[in-house]
């Protein structure tokens, strides 16, 4: 089962959902606002992708928290991902075998069509 994690009003999440809907790809959407990811979710994702792939250093949240000045290492980034889900690059796509972060239409076509 394909799971899409994110926030409804996020542009990248909207693009991903539109892609899956237009190609009749079945998925379950998990909204970070109503079901925040647990530390176990984040650790499970980090088993398949790097913390730099999951951590959104370009987000408004990253800038507003002043995290650039902290020069976070992998452990520090993971701790912030657990504390503040707005730092997670969206959407997170998870299947039994694959975990992806961010919207990439070409990769989606290759993997899901």
PDB file of N, CA and C in Angstrom:
ATOM      1  N   UNK A   1       0.848  -1.192   0.000  1.00  0.00           N
ATOM      2  CA  UNK A   1       0.000   0.000   0.000  1.00  0.00           C
ATOM      3  C   UNK A   1       0.884   1.242   0.000  1.00  0.00           C
ATOM      4  N   UNK A   2       0.541   2.149  -0.844  1.00  0.00           N
ATOM      5  CA  UNK A   2       1.241   3.424  -0.975  1.00  0.00           C
ATOM      6  C   UNK A   2       0.683   4.398   0.058  1.00  0.00           C
ATOM      7  N   UNK A   3       1.573   4.987   0.845  1.00  0.00           N
ATOM      8  CA  UNK A   3       1.177   6.002   1.825  1.00  0.00           C
ATOM      9  C   UNK A   3       1.857   7.314   1.449  1.00  0.00           C
ATOM     10  N   UNK A   4       1.064   8.377   1.490  1.00  0.00           N
ATOM     11  CA  UNK A   4       1.565   9.716   1.192  1.00  0.00           C
ATOM     12  C   UNK A   4       1.395  10.538   2.464  1.00  0.00           C
ATOM     13  N   UNK A   5       2.507  11.035   2.991  1.00  0.00           N
ATOM     14  CA  UNK A   5       2.498  11.846   4.203  1.00  0.00           C
ATOM     15  C   UNK A   5       2.760  13.289   3.827  1.00  0.00           C
ATOM     16  N   UNK A   6       2.045  14.204   4.473  1.00  0.00           N
ATOM     17  CA  UNK A   6       2.297  15.607   4.208  1.00  0.00           C
ATOM     18  C   UNK A   6       1.246  16.500   4.811  1.00  0.00           C
ATOM     19  N   UNK A   7       1.124  17.685   4.232  1.00  0.00           N
ATOM     20  CA  UNK A   7       0.186  18.701   4.688  1.00  0.00           C
ATOM     21  C   UNK A   7      -0.674  19.075   3.482  1.00  0.00           C
ATOM     22  N   UNK A   8      -1.977  19.091   3.675  1.00  0.00           N
ATOM     23  CA  UNK A   8      -2.916  19.298   2.562  1.00  0.00           C
ATOM     24  C   UNK A   8      -2.624  20.530   1.726  1.00  0.00           C
ATOM     25  N   UNK A   9      -2.231  21.625   2.363  1.00  0.00           N
ATOM     26  CA  UNK A   9      -2.065  22.871   1.607  1.00  0.00           C
ATOM     27  C   UNK A   9      -0.652  23.067   1.057  1.00  0.00           C
ATOM     28  N   UNK A  10       0.205  22.081   1.184  1.00  0.00           N
ATOM     29  CA  UNK A  10       1.569  22.152   0.650  1.00  0.00           C
ATOM     30  C   UNK A  10       1.524  21.929  -0.865  1.00  0.00           C
ATOM     31  N   UNK A  11       2.164  22.805  -1.625  1.00  0.00           N
ATOM     32  CA  UNK A  11       2.144  22.702  -3.086  1.00  0.00           C
ATOM     33  C   UNK A  11       2.721  21.378  -3.592  1.00  0.00           C
ATOM     34  N   UNK A  12       3.808  20.920  -2.988  1.00  0.00           N
ATOM     35  CA  UNK A  12       4.411  19.660  -3.421  1.00  0.00           C
ATOM     36  C   UNK A  12       3.491  18.476  -3.134  1.00  0.00           C
ATOM     37  N   UNK A  13       2.808  18.516  -2.014  1.00  0.00           N
ATOM     38  CA  UNK A  13       1.852  17.460  -1.675  1.00  0.00           C
ATOM     39  C   UNK A  13       0.690  17.492  -2.664  1.00  0.00           C
ATOM     40  N   UNK A  14       0.195  18.689  -2.970  1.00  0.00           N
ATOM     41  CA  UNK A  14      -0.898  18.811  -3.943  1.00  0.00           C
ATOM     42  C   UNK A  14      -0.498  18.223  -5.287  1.00  0.00           C
ATOM     43  N   UNK A  15       0.730  18.497  -5.732  1.00  0.00           N
ATOM     44  CA  UNK A  15       1.209  17.957  -7.008  1.00  0.00           C
ATOM     45  C   UNK A  15       1.268  16.431  -6.966  1.00  0.00           C
ATOM     46  N   UNK A  16       1.771  15.900  -5.869  1.00  0.00           N
ATOM     47  CA  UNK A  16       1.876  14.439  -5.742  1.00  0.00           C
ATOM     48  C   UNK A  16       0.492  13.788  -5.759  1.00  0.00           C
ATOM     49  N   UNK A  17      -0.439  14.351  -4.992  1.00  0.00           N
ATOM     50  CA  UNK A  17      -1.786  13.783  -4.951  1.00  0.00           C
ATOM     51  C   UNK A  17      -2.454  13.879  -6.318  1.00  0.00           C
ATOM     52  N   UNK A  18      -2.250  14.991  -7.003  1.00  0.00           N
ATOM     53  CA  UNK A  18      -2.801  15.150  -8.354  1.00  0.00           C
ATOM     54  C   UNK A  18      -2.207  14.094  -9.291  1.00  0.00           C
ATOM     55  N   UNK A  19      -0.903  13.860  -9.181  1.00  0.00           N
ATOM     56  CA  UNK A  19      -0.242  12.846  -9.997  1.00  0.00           C
ATOM     57  C   UNK A  19      -0.864  11.475  -9.747  1.00  0.00           C
ATOM     58  N   UNK A  20      -0.971  11.080  -8.488  1.00  0.00           N
ATOM     59  CA  UNK A  20      -1.514   9.756  -8.172  1.00  0.00           C
ATOM     60  C   UNK A  20      -2.976   9.637  -8.604  1.00  0.00           C
ATOM     61  N   UNK A  21      -3.752  10.682  -8.383  1.00  0.00           N
ATOM     62  CA  UNK A  21      -5.164  10.651  -8.787  1.00  0.00           C
ATOM     63  C   UNK A  21      -5.312  10.559 -10.302  1.00  0.00           C
ATOM     64  N   UNK A  22      -4.518  11.333 -11.039  1.00  0.00           N
ATOM     65  CA  UNK A  22      -4.652  11.353 -12.491  1.00  0.00           C
ATOM     66  C   UNK A  22      -4.179  10.046 -13.142  1.00  0.00           C
ATOM     67  N   UNK A  23      -3.356   9.306 -12.423  1.00  0.00           N
ATOM     68  CA  UNK A  23      -2.873   8.023 -12.950  1.00  0.00           C
ATOM     69  C   UNK A  23      -3.530   6.833 -12.247  1.00  0.00           C
ATOM     70  N   UNK A  24      -4.590   7.104 -11.495  1.00  0.00           N
ATOM     71  CA  UNK A  24      -5.349   6.051 -10.800  1.00  0.00           C
ATOM     72  C   UNK A  24      -4.464   5.159  -9.938  1.00  0.00           C
ATOM     73  N   UNK A  25      -3.508   5.788  -9.262  1.00  0.00           N
ATOM     74  CA  UNK A  25      -2.644   5.066  -8.325  1.00  0.00           C
ATOM     75  C   UNK A  25      -3.293   5.175  -6.945  1.00  0.00           C
ATOM     76  N   UNK A  26      -3.587   4.047  -6.343  1.00  0.00           N
ATOM     77  CA  UNK A  26      -4.243   4.009  -5.038  1.00  0.00           C
ATOM     78  C   UNK A  26      -3.248   4.379  -3.937  1.00  0.00           C
ATOM     79  N   UNK A  27      -3.694   5.196  -2.994  1.00  0.00           N
ATOM     80  CA  UNK A  27      -2.831   5.624  -1.896  1.00  0.00           C
ATOM     81  C   UNK A  27      -3.686   5.956  -0.674  1.00  0.00           C
ATOM     82  N   UNK A  28      -3.017   6.048   0.452  1.00  0.00           N
ATOM     83  CA  UNK A  28      -3.615   6.561   1.680  1.00  0.00           C
ATOM     84  C   UNK A  28      -2.861   7.825   2.044  1.00  0.00           C
ATOM     85  N   UNK A  29      -3.601   8.903   2.319  1.00  0.00           N
ATOM     86  CA  UNK A  29      -2.973  10.169   2.697  1.00  0.00           C
ATOM     87  C   UNK A  29      -2.981  10.311   4.209  1.00  0.00           C
ATOM     88  N   UNK A  30      -1.821  10.628   4.775  1.00  0.00           N
ATOM     89  CA  UNK A  30      -1.685  10.871   6.209  1.00  0.00           C
ATOM     90  C   UNK A  30      -1.257  12.323   6.373  1.00  0.00           C
ATOM     91  N   UNK A  31      -2.124  13.115   6.992  1.00  0.00           N
ATOM     92  CA  UNK A  31      -1.907  14.548   7.159  1.00  0.00           C
ATOM     93  C   UNK A  31      -1.107  14.807   8.437  1.00  0.00           C
ATOM     94  N   UNK A  32       0.030  15.475   8.282  1.00  0.00           N
ATOM     95  CA  UNK A  32       0.865  15.807   9.441  1.00  0.00           C
ATOM     96  C   UNK A  32       0.115  16.655  10.467  1.00  0.00           C
ATOM     97  N   UNK A  33      -0.858  17.444  10.012  1.00  0.00           N
ATOM     98  CA  UNK A  33      -1.588  18.308  10.940  1.00  0.00           C
ATOM     99  C   UNK A  33      -2.494  17.517  11.880  1.00  0.00           C
ATOM    100  N   UNK A  34      -3.034  16.410  11.407  1.00  0.00           N
ATOM    101  CA  UNK A  34      -3.931  15.610  12.248  1.00  0.00           C
ATOM    102  C   UNK A  34      -3.246  14.371  12.822  1.00  0.00           C
ATOM    103  N   UNK A  35      -2.219  13.882  12.119  1.00  0.00           N
ATOM    104  CA  UNK A  35      -1.478  12.701  12.569  1.00  0.00           C
ATOM    105  C   UNK A  35       0.015  12.987  12.423  1.00  0.00           C
ATOM    106  N   UNK A  36       0.593  13.700  13.380  1.00  0.00           N
ATOM    107  CA  UNK A  36       2.021  14.015  13.271  1.00  0.00           C
ATOM    108  C   UNK A  36       2.862  12.737  13.259  1.00  0.00           C
ATOM    109  N   UNK A  37       3.939  12.730  12.480  1.00  0.00           N
ATOM    110  CA  UNK A  37       4.793  11.547  12.460  1.00  0.00           C
ATOM    111  C   UNK A  37       5.463  11.343  13.814  1.00  0.00           C
ATOM    112  N   UNK A  38       5.566  10.100  14.210  1.00  0.00           N
ATOM    113  CA  UNK A  38       6.230   9.752  15.471  1.00  0.00           C
ATOM    114  C   UNK A  38       7.733   9.629  15.233  1.00  0.00           C
ATOM    115  N   UNK A  39       8.470   9.518  16.300  1.00  0.00           N
ATOM    116  CA  UNK A  39       9.915   9.304  16.156  1.00  0.00           C
ATOM    117  C   UNK A  39      10.166   7.957  15.473  1.00  0.00           C
ATOM    118  N   UNK A  40       9.272   6.985  15.691  1.00  0.00           N
ATOM    119  CA  UNK A  40       9.403   5.683  15.028  1.00  0.00           C
ATOM    120  C   UNK A  40       9.195   5.822  13.516  1.00  0.00           C
ATOM    121  N   UNK A  41       8.225   6.669  13.102  1.00  0.00           N
ATOM    122  CA  UNK A  41       8.021   6.920  11.667  1.00  0.00           C
ATOM    123  C   UNK A  41       9.290   7.502  11.058  1.00  0.00           C
ATOM    124  N   UNK A  42       9.828   8.500  11.709  1.00  0.00           N
ATOM    125  CA  UNK A  42      11.027   9.170  11.190  1.00  0.00           C
ATOM    126  C   UNK A  42      12.198   8.194  11.128  1.00  0.00           C
ATOM    127  N   UNK A  43      12.377   7.392  12.170  1.00  0.00           N
ATOM    128  CA  UNK A  43      13.460   6.404  12.158  1.00  0.00           C
ATOM    129  C   UNK A  43      13.266   5.378  11.036  1.00  0.00           C
ATOM    130  N   UNK A  44      12.021   4.973  10.791  1.00  0.00           N
ATOM    131  CA  UNK A  44      11.734   4.025   9.719  1.00  0.00           C
ATOM    132  C   UNK A  44      12.099   4.640   8.362  1.00  0.00           C
ATOM    133  N   UNK A  45      11.756   5.911   8.163  1.00  0.00           N
ATOM    134  CA  UNK A  45      12.100   6.587   6.917  1.00  0.00           C
ATOM    135  C   UNK A  45      13.610   6.704   6.766  1.00  0.00           C
ATOM    136  N   UNK A  46      14.278   6.999   7.884  1.00  0.00           N
ATOM    137  CA  UNK A  46      15.729   7.188   7.842  1.00  0.00           C
ATOM    138  C   UNK A  46      16.489   5.882   7.620  1.00  0.00           C
ATOM    139  N   UNK A  47      15.813   4.755   7.730  1.00  0.00           N
ATOM    140  CA  UNK A  47      16.440   3.477   7.375  1.00  0.00           C
ATOM    141  C   UNK A  47      16.585   3.352   5.866  1.00  0.00           C
ATOM    142  N   UNK A  48      15.763   4.114   5.115  1.00  0.00           N
ATOM    143  CA  UNK A  48      15.755   3.981   3.652  1.00  0.00           C
ATOM    144  C   UNK A  48      16.275   5.213   2.921  1.00  0.00           C
ATOM    145  N   UNK A  49      16.215   6.379   3.549  1.00  0.00           N
ATOM    146  CA  UNK A  49      16.743   7.599   2.932  1.00  0.00           C
ATOM    147  C   UNK A  49      17.612   8.327   3.955  1.00  0.00           C
ATOM    148  N   UNK A  50      18.436   9.230   3.469  1.00  0.00           N
ATOM    149  CA  UNK A  50      19.339   9.950   4.371  1.00  0.00           C
ATOM    150  C   UNK A  50      18.600  11.081   5.079  1.00  0.00           C
ATOM    151  N   UNK A  51      19.163  11.517   6.163  1.00  0.00           N
ATOM    152  CA  UNK A  51      18.565  12.625   6.901  1.00  0.00           C
ATOM    153  C   UNK A  51      18.546  13.883   6.031  1.00  0.00           C
ATOM    154  N   UNK A  52      19.541  14.050   5.172  1.00  0.00           N
ATOM    155  CA  UNK A  52      19.566  15.226   4.294  1.00  0.00           C
ATOM    156  C   UNK A  52      18.466  15.169   3.231  1.00  0.00           C
ATOM    157  N   UNK A  53      18.044  13.978   2.838  1.00  0.00           N
ATOM    158  CA  UNK A  53      16.936  13.846   1.901  1.00  0.00           C
ATOM    159  C   UNK A  53      15.602  14.170   2.580  1.00  0.00           C
ATOM    160  N   UNK A  54      15.519  13.895   3.872  1.00  0.00           N
ATOM    161  CA  UNK A  54      14.270  14.092   4.616  1.00  0.00           C
ATOM    162  C   UNK A  54      14.163  15.488   5.227  1.00  0.00           C
ATOM    163  N   UNK A  55      15.277  16.092   5.542  1.00  0.00           N
ATOM    164  CA  UNK A  55      15.324  17.380   6.244  1.00  0.00           C
ATOM    165  C   UNK A  55      15.264  18.517   5.229  1.00  0.00           C
ATOM    166  N   UNK A  56      14.265  19.377   5.360  1.00  0.00           N
ATOM    167  CA  UNK A  56      14.070  20.471   4.403  1.00  0.00           C
ATOM    168  C   UNK A  56      14.758  21.745   4.905  1.00  0.00           C
ATOM    169  N   UNK A  57      15.994  21.906   4.465  1.00  0.00           N
ATOM    170  CA  UNK A  57      16.771  23.079   4.861  1.00  0.00           C
ATOM    171  C   UNK A  57      16.398  24.325   4.056  1.00  0.00           C
ATOM    172  N   UNK A  58      15.421  24.205   3.160  1.00  0.00           N
ATOM    173  CA  UNK A  58      14.965  25.355   2.379  1.00  0.00           C
ATOM    174  C   UNK A  58      13.617  25.870   2.872  1.00  0.00           C
ATOM    175  N   UNK A  59      13.107  25.262   3.918  1.00  0.00           N
ATOM    176  CA  UNK A  59      11.766  25.625   4.387  1.00  0.00           C
ATOM    177  C   UNK A  59      11.756  26.938   5.169  1.00  0.00           C
ATOM    178  N   UNK A  60      10.593  27.538   5.208  1.00  0.00           N
ATOM    179  CA  UNK A  60      10.385  28.740   6.008  1.00  0.00           C
ATOM    180  C   UNK A  60      10.628  28.428   7.484  1.00  0.00           C
ATOM    181  N   UNK A  61      10.211  27.245   7.906  1.00  0.00           N
ATOM    182  CA  UNK A  61      10.398  26.839   9.304  1.00  0.00           C
ATOM    183  C   UNK A  61      11.886  26.800   9.661  1.00  0.00           C
ATOM    184  N   UNK A  62      12.693  26.240   8.769  1.00  0.00           N
ATOM    185  CA  UNK A  62      14.137  26.167   8.977  1.00  0.00           C
ATOM    186  C   UNK A  62      14.716  27.561   9.189  1.00  0.00           C
ATOM    187  N   UNK A  63      14.306  28.481   8.329  1.00  0.00           N
ATOM    188  CA  UNK A  63      14.819  29.855   8.435  1.00  0.00           C
ATOM    189  C   UNK A  63      14.302  30.543   9.693  1.00  0.00           C
ATOM    190  N   UNK A  64      13.013  30.383   9.983  1.00  0.00           N
ATOM    191  CA  UNK A  64      12.432  31.090  11.132  1.00  0.00           C
ATOM    192  C   UNK A  64      12.978  30.580  12.464  1.00  0.00           C
ATOM    193  N   UNK A  65      13.384  29.318  12.499  1.00  0.00           N
ATOM    194  CA  UNK A  65      13.969  28.775  13.731  1.00  0.00           C
ATOM    195  C   UNK A  65      15.461  29.088  13.863  1.00  0.00           C
ATOM    196  N   UNK A  66      16.050  29.648  12.825  1.00  0.00           N
ATOM    197  CA  UNK A  66      17.470  29.991  12.864  1.00  0.00           C
ATOM    198  C   UNK A  66      18.377  28.773  12.929  1.00  0.00           C
ATOM    199  N   UNK A  67      17.976  27.685  12.283  1.00  0.00           N
ATOM    200  CA  UNK A  67      18.735  26.437  12.390  1.00  0.00           C
ATOM    201  C   UNK A  67      20.038  26.443  11.607  1.00  0.00           C
ATOM    202  N   UNK A  68      20.145  27.316  10.616  1.00  0.00           N
ATOM    203  CA  UNK A  68      21.384  27.375   9.839  1.00  0.00           C
ATOM    204  C   UNK A  68      22.570  27.710  10.745  1.00  0.00           C
ATOM    205  N   UNK A  69      22.327  28.597  11.675  1.00  0.00           N
ATOM    206  CA  UNK A  69      23.403  29.021  12.583  1.00  0.00           C
ATOM    207  C   UNK A  69      23.866  27.893  13.505  1.00  0.00           C
ATOM    208  N   UNK A  70      23.047  26.864  13.670  1.00  0.00           N
ATOM    209  CA  UNK A  70      23.396  25.761  14.573  1.00  0.00           C
ATOM    210  C   UNK A  70      24.312  24.728  13.939  1.00  0.00           C
ATOM    211  N   UNK A  71      24.457  24.765  12.606  1.00  0.00           N
ATOM    212  CA  UNK A  71      25.290  23.786  11.888  1.00  0.00           C
ATOM    213  C   UNK A  71      24.994  22.362  12.377  1.00  0.00           C
ATOM    214  N   UNK A  72      23.761  21.946  12.227  1.00  0.00           N
ATOM    215  CA  UNK A  72      23.314  20.662  12.750  1.00  0.00           C
ATOM    216  C   UNK A  72      23.989  19.481  12.056  1.00  0.00           C
ATOM    217  N   UNK A  73      24.360  18.479  12.869  1.00  0.00           N
ATOM    218  CA  UNK A  73      24.847  17.227  12.307  1.00  0.00           C
ATOM    219  C   UNK A  73      23.639  16.312  12.081  1.00  0.00           C
ATOM    220  N   UNK A  74      23.868  15.079  11.638  1.00  0.00           N
ATOM    221  CA  UNK A  74      22.765  14.166  11.344  1.00  0.00           C
ATOM    222  C   UNK A  74      21.877  13.943  12.562  1.00  0.00           C
ATOM    223  N   UNK A  75      22.492  13.751  13.703  1.00  0.00           N
ATOM    224  CA  UNK A  75      21.720  13.514  14.924  1.00  0.00           C
ATOM    225  C   UNK A  75      20.868  14.734  15.276  1.00  0.00           C
ATOM    226  N   UNK A  76      21.446  15.909  15.146  1.00  0.00           N
ATOM    227  CA  UNK A  76      20.710  17.135  15.429  1.00  0.00           C
ATOM    228  C   UNK A  76      19.547  17.334  14.478  1.00  0.00           C
ATOM    229  N   UNK A  77      19.759  17.033  13.213  1.00  0.00           N
ATOM    230  CA  UNK A  77      18.678  17.143  12.232  1.00  0.00           C
ATOM    231  C   UNK A  77      17.555  16.167  12.567  1.00  0.00           C
ATOM    232  N   UNK A  78      17.899  14.937  12.914  1.00  0.00           N
ATOM    233  CA  UNK A  78      16.889  13.947  13.279  1.00  0.00           C
ATOM    234  C   UNK A  78      16.073  14.426  14.480  1.00  0.00           C
ATOM    235  N   UNK A  79      16.752  14.975  15.478  1.00  0.00           N
ATOM    236  CA  UNK A  79      16.045  15.472  16.661  1.00  0.00           C
ATOM    237  C   UNK A  79      15.073  16.588  16.296  1.00  0.00           C
ATOM    238  N   UNK A  80      15.477  17.478  15.404  1.00  0.00           N
ATOM    239  CA  UNK A  80      14.588  18.556  14.966  1.00  0.00           C
ATOM    240  C   UNK A  80      13.424  18.021  14.139  1.00  0.00           C
ATOM    241  N   UNK A  81      13.662  16.992  13.331  1.00  0.00           N
ATOM    242  CA  UNK A  81      12.561  16.390  12.561  1.00  0.00           C
ATOM    243  C   UNK A  81      11.482  15.837  13.488  1.00  0.00           C
ATOM    244  N   UNK A  82      11.901  15.266  14.598  1.00  0.00           N
ATOM    245  CA  UNK A  82      10.947  14.720  15.573  1.00  0.00           C
ATOM    246  C   UNK A  82      10.187  15.853  16.259  1.00  0.00           C
ATOM    247  N   UNK A  83      10.881  16.948  16.574  1.00  0.00           N
ATOM    248  CA  UNK A  83      10.254  18.071  17.282  1.00  0.00           C
ATOM    249  C   UNK A  83       9.345  18.907  16.393  1.00  0.00           C
ATOM    250  N   UNK A  84       9.709  19.055  15.130  1.00  0.00           N
ATOM    251  CA  UNK A  84       9.015  20.006  14.250  1.00  0.00           C
ATOM    252  C   UNK A  84       8.778  19.376  12.874  1.00  0.00           C
ATOM    253  N   UNK A  85       7.564  18.832  12.669  1.00  0.00           N
ATOM    254  CA  UNK A  85       7.320  18.117  11.410  1.00  0.00           C
ATOM    255  C   UNK A  85       7.306  19.026  10.178  1.00  0.00           C
ATOM    256  N   UNK A  86       7.250  20.327  10.354  1.00  0.00           N
ATOM    257  CA  UNK A  86       7.318  21.240   9.201  1.00  0.00           C
ATOM    258  C   UNK A  86       8.718  21.250   8.571  1.00  0.00           C
ATOM    259  N   UNK A  87       9.683  20.634   9.236  1.00  0.00           N
ATOM    260  CA  UNK A  87      11.028  20.526   8.678  1.00  0.00           C
ATOM    261  C   UNK A  87      11.180  19.308   7.762  1.00  0.00           C
ATOM    262  N   UNK A  88      10.173  18.470   7.697  1.00  0.00           N
ATOM    263  CA  UNK A  88      10.224  17.279   6.860  1.00  0.00           C
ATOM    264  C   UNK A  88       9.914  17.675   5.415  1.00  0.00           C
ATOM    265  N   UNK A  89      10.783  17.267   4.516  1.00  0.00           N
ATOM    266  CA  UNK A  89      10.552  17.523   3.096  1.00  0.00           C
ATOM    267  C   UNK A  89       9.322  16.733   2.668  1.00  0.00           C
ATOM    268  N   UNK A  90       8.390  17.436   2.016  1.00  0.00           N
ATOM    269  CA  UNK A  90       7.114  16.830   1.673  1.00  0.00           C
ATOM    270  C   UNK A  90       6.942  16.719   0.166  1.00  0.00           C
ATOM    271  N   UNK A  91       6.133  15.738  -0.216  1.00  0.00           N
ATOM    272  CA  UNK A  91       5.537  14.682   0.586  1.00  0.00           C
ATOM    273  C   UNK A  91       6.550  13.574   0.873  1.00  0.00           C
ATOM    274  N   UNK A  92       6.271  12.798   1.891  1.00  0.00           N
ATOM    275  CA  UNK A  92       7.007  11.556   2.113  1.00  0.00           C
ATOM    276  C   UNK A  92       6.135  10.462   1.512  1.00  0.00           C
ATOM    277  N   UNK A  93       6.719   9.698   0.615  1.00  0.00           N
ATOM    278  CA  UNK A  93       6.026   8.599  -0.043  1.00  0.00           C
ATOM    279  C   UNK A  93       6.636   7.311   0.500  1.00  0.00           C
ATOM    280  N   UNK A  94       5.759   6.409   0.944  1.00  0.00           N
ATOM    281  CA  UNK A  94       6.252   5.170   1.537  1.00  0.00           C
ATOM    282  C   UNK A  94       5.456   3.983   0.998  1.00  0.00           C
ATOM    283  N   UNK A  95       6.189   2.987   0.551  1.00  0.00           N
ATOM    284  CA  UNK A  95       5.600   1.694   0.211  1.00  0.00           C
ATOM    285  C   UNK A  95       6.325   0.679   1.085  1.00  0.00           C
ATOM    286  N   UNK A  96       6.076  -0.573   0.890  1.00  0.00           N
ATOM    287  CA  UNK A  96       6.807  -1.583   1.651  1.00  0.00           C
ATOM    288  C   UNK A  96       8.295  -1.585   1.351  1.00  0.00           C
ATOM    289  N   UNK A  97       8.648  -1.158   0.124  1.00  0.00           N
ATOM    290  CA  UNK A  97      10.038  -1.222  -0.312  1.00  0.00           C
ATOM    291  C   UNK A  97      10.707   0.136  -0.456  1.00  0.00           C
ATOM    292  N   UNK A  98       9.921   1.152  -0.740  1.00  0.00           N
ATOM    293  CA  UNK A  98      10.464   2.458  -1.132  1.00  0.00           C
ATOM    294  C   UNK A  98      10.042   3.543  -0.146  1.00  0.00           C
ATOM    295  N   UNK A  99      10.964   4.455   0.123  1.00  0.00           N
ATOM    296  CA  UNK A  99      10.648   5.688   0.835  1.00  0.00           C
ATOM    297  C   UNK A  99      11.288   6.826   0.053  1.00  0.00           C
ATOM    298  N   UNK A 100      10.483   7.846  -0.226  1.00  0.00           N
ATOM    299  CA  UNK A 100      10.952   9.030  -0.953  1.00  0.00           C
ATOM    300  C   UNK A 100      10.506  10.275  -0.205  1.00  0.00           C
ATOM    301  N   UNK A 101      11.250  11.346  -0.351  1.00  0.00           N
ATOM    302  CA  UNK A 101      10.838  12.633   0.210  1.00  0.00           C
ATOM    303  C   UNK A 101      10.916  13.674  -0.888  1.00  0.00           C
ATOM    304  N   UNK A 102       9.838  14.444  -1.027  1.00  0.00           N
ATOM    305  CA  UNK A 102       9.783  15.481  -2.040  1.00  0.00           C
ATOM    306  C   UNK A 102       9.068  15.010  -3.285  1.00  0.00           C
ATOM    307  N   UNK A 103       8.655  15.969  -4.097  1.00  0.00           N
ATOM    308  CA  UNK A 103       7.940  15.654  -5.330  1.00  0.00           C
ATOM    309  C   UNK A 103       8.901  15.618  -6.506  1.00  0.00           C
ATOM    310  N   UNK A 104       8.873  14.517  -7.252  1.00  0.00           N
ATOM    311  CA  UNK A 104       9.702  14.370  -8.444  1.00  0.00           C
ATOM    312  C   UNK A 104       8.882  13.576  -9.465  1.00  0.00           C
ATOM    313  N   UNK A 105       8.237  14.293 -10.386  1.00  0.00           N
ATOM    314  CA  UNK A 105       7.317  13.647 -11.323  1.00  0.00           C
ATOM    315  C   UNK A 105       7.985  12.558 -12.149  1.00  0.00           C
ATOM    316  N   UNK A 106       9.187  12.803 -12.641  1.00  0.00           N
ATOM    317  CA  UNK A 106       9.869  11.797 -13.456  1.00  0.00           C
ATOM    318  C   UNK A 106      10.146  10.525 -12.661  1.00  0.00           C
ATOM    319  N   UNK A 107      10.573  10.676 -11.432  1.00  0.00           N
ATOM    320  CA  UNK A 107      10.823   9.509 -10.580  1.00  0.00           C
ATOM    321  C   UNK A 107       9.510   8.787 -10.261  1.00  0.00           C
ATOM    322  N   UNK A 108       8.462   9.547  -9.999  1.00  0.00           N
ATOM    323  CA  UNK A 108       7.144   8.948  -9.745  1.00  0.00           C
ATOM    324  C   UNK A 108       6.691   8.118 -10.944  1.00  0.00           C
ATOM    325  N   UNK A 109       6.875   8.654 -12.156  1.00  0.00           N
ATOM    326  CA  UNK A 109       6.496   7.911 -13.364  1.00  0.00           C
ATOM    327  C   UNK A 109       7.268   6.602 -13.452  1.00  0.00           C
ATOM    328  N   UNK A 110       8.561   6.683 -13.171  1.00  0.00           N
ATOM    329  CA  UNK A 110       9.427   5.492 -13.246  1.00  0.00           C
ATOM    330  C   UNK A 110       9.019   4.439 -12.206  1.00  0.00           C
ATOM    331  N   UNK A 111       8.671   4.874 -11.005  1.00  0.00           N
ATOM    332  CA  UNK A 111       8.420   3.931  -9.924  1.00  0.00           C
ATOM    333  C   UNK A 111       6.970   3.461  -9.808  1.00  0.00           C
ATOM    334  N   UNK A 112       6.011   4.303 -10.174  1.00  0.00           N
ATOM    335  CA  UNK A 112       4.624   4.002  -9.860  1.00  0.00           C
ATOM    336  C   UNK A 112       3.728   3.754 -11.067  1.00  0.00           C
ATOM    337  N   UNK A 113       4.242   3.952 -12.273  1.00  0.00           N
ATOM    338  CA  UNK A 113       3.407   3.713 -13.453  1.00  0.00           C
ATOM    339  C   UNK A 113       3.854   2.467 -14.189  1.00  0.00           C
TER     340      UNK A 113
END
